[in-house]
Amino acid sequence: MPDPTDKRARPVCGAERAYAAKTVADVVVAEAEKEWDAHLGKRRMTQLREALTLLREITDPYA
């Protein structure tokens, strides 16, 4: 359906299954981050996040 405020845009509505999958994925990501944090420690985990964020500049065309 067209966006009422911008005729060029088309809003994307996720399906119910997509929202359920995202919920599961969020739990898995949180568990992995907790494990990495325990292994690396707070300081190195912060450095990892910063490095990954910087890499988006050269890997994500939408960043």
Protein backbone atom coordinates (compact mmCIF):
# COMPACT_ATOMS: atom_id res chain seq x y z
CA MET A 1 0.00 0.00 0.00
CA PRO A 2 1.31 3.48 -0.75
CA ASP A 3 2.64 5.67 2.04
CA PRO A 4 0.09 8.48 2.56
CA THR A 5 2.84 11.07 3.22
CA ASP A 6 5.30 10.03 0.48
CA LYS A 7 3.95 8.57 -2.74
CA ARG A 8 7.41 7.18 -3.65
CA ALA A 9 7.62 5.04 -0.51
CA ARG A 10 5.96 1.73 0.23
CA PRO A 11 5.73 0.75 3.92
CA VAL A 12 6.75 -2.80 4.66
CA CYS A 13 4.57 -4.74 7.07
CA GLY A 14 6.09 -7.85 8.59
CA ALA A 15 4.10 -11.04 8.71
CA GLU A 16 3.22 -12.61 12.04
CA ARG A 17 5.75 -15.38 11.38
CA ALA A 18 8.45 -12.78 10.79
CA TYR A 19 7.81 -11.20 14.18
CA ALA A 20 7.91 -14.63 15.84
CA ALA A 21 11.21 -15.42 14.11
CA LYS A 22 12.67 -12.08 15.22
CA THR A 23 11.72 -12.81 18.81
CA VAL A 24 13.57 -16.14 18.66
CA ALA A 25 16.55 -14.53 16.92
CA ASP A 26 16.75 -11.80 19.58
CA VAL A 27 17.01 -14.46 22.30
CA VAL A 28 19.75 -16.32 20.42
CA VAL A 29 21.72 -13.11 19.84
CA ALA A 30 21.41 -12.15 23.52
CA GLU A 31 22.70 -15.58 24.58
CA ALA A 32 25.67 -15.34 22.21
CA GLU A 33 26.51 -11.83 23.38
CA LYS A 34 26.35 -12.93 27.01
CA GLU A 35 28.74 -15.82 26.28
CA TRP A 36 31.13 -13.57 24.35
CA ASP A 37 31.01 -10.95 27.11
CA ALA A 38 31.88 -13.58 29.73
CA HIS A 39 34.79 -14.80 27.61
CA LEU A 40 36.15 -11.43 26.45
CA GLY A 41 35.27 -9.20 29.38
CA LYS A 42 33.49 -5.86 29.28
CA ARG A 43 36.38 -3.82 27.86
CA ARG A 44 37.17 -6.16 24.97
CA MET A 45 33.49 -6.69 24.20
CA THR A 46 33.12 -2.91 23.92
CA GLN A 47 36.13 -2.84 21.59
CA LEU A 48 34.59 -5.61 19.48
CA ARG A 49 31.32 -3.70 19.14
CA GLU A 50 33.22 -0.53 18.19
CA ALA A 51 35.30 -2.39 15.57
CA LEU A 52 32.21 -4.01 14.06
CA THR A 53 30.45 -0.66 13.94
CA LEU A 54 33.43 0.86 12.11
CA LEU A 55 33.40 -1.99 9.60
CA ARG A 56 29.85 -1.07 8.63
CA GLU A 57 31.32 1.98 6.88
CA ILE A 58 32.86 -0.29 4.23
CA THR A 59 30.39 -3.18 4.22
CA ASP A 60 26.92 -1.68 4.57
CA PRO A 61 25.81 0.52 1.69
CA TYR A 62 22.83 1.75 3.76
CA ALA A 63 24.80 2.76 6.88
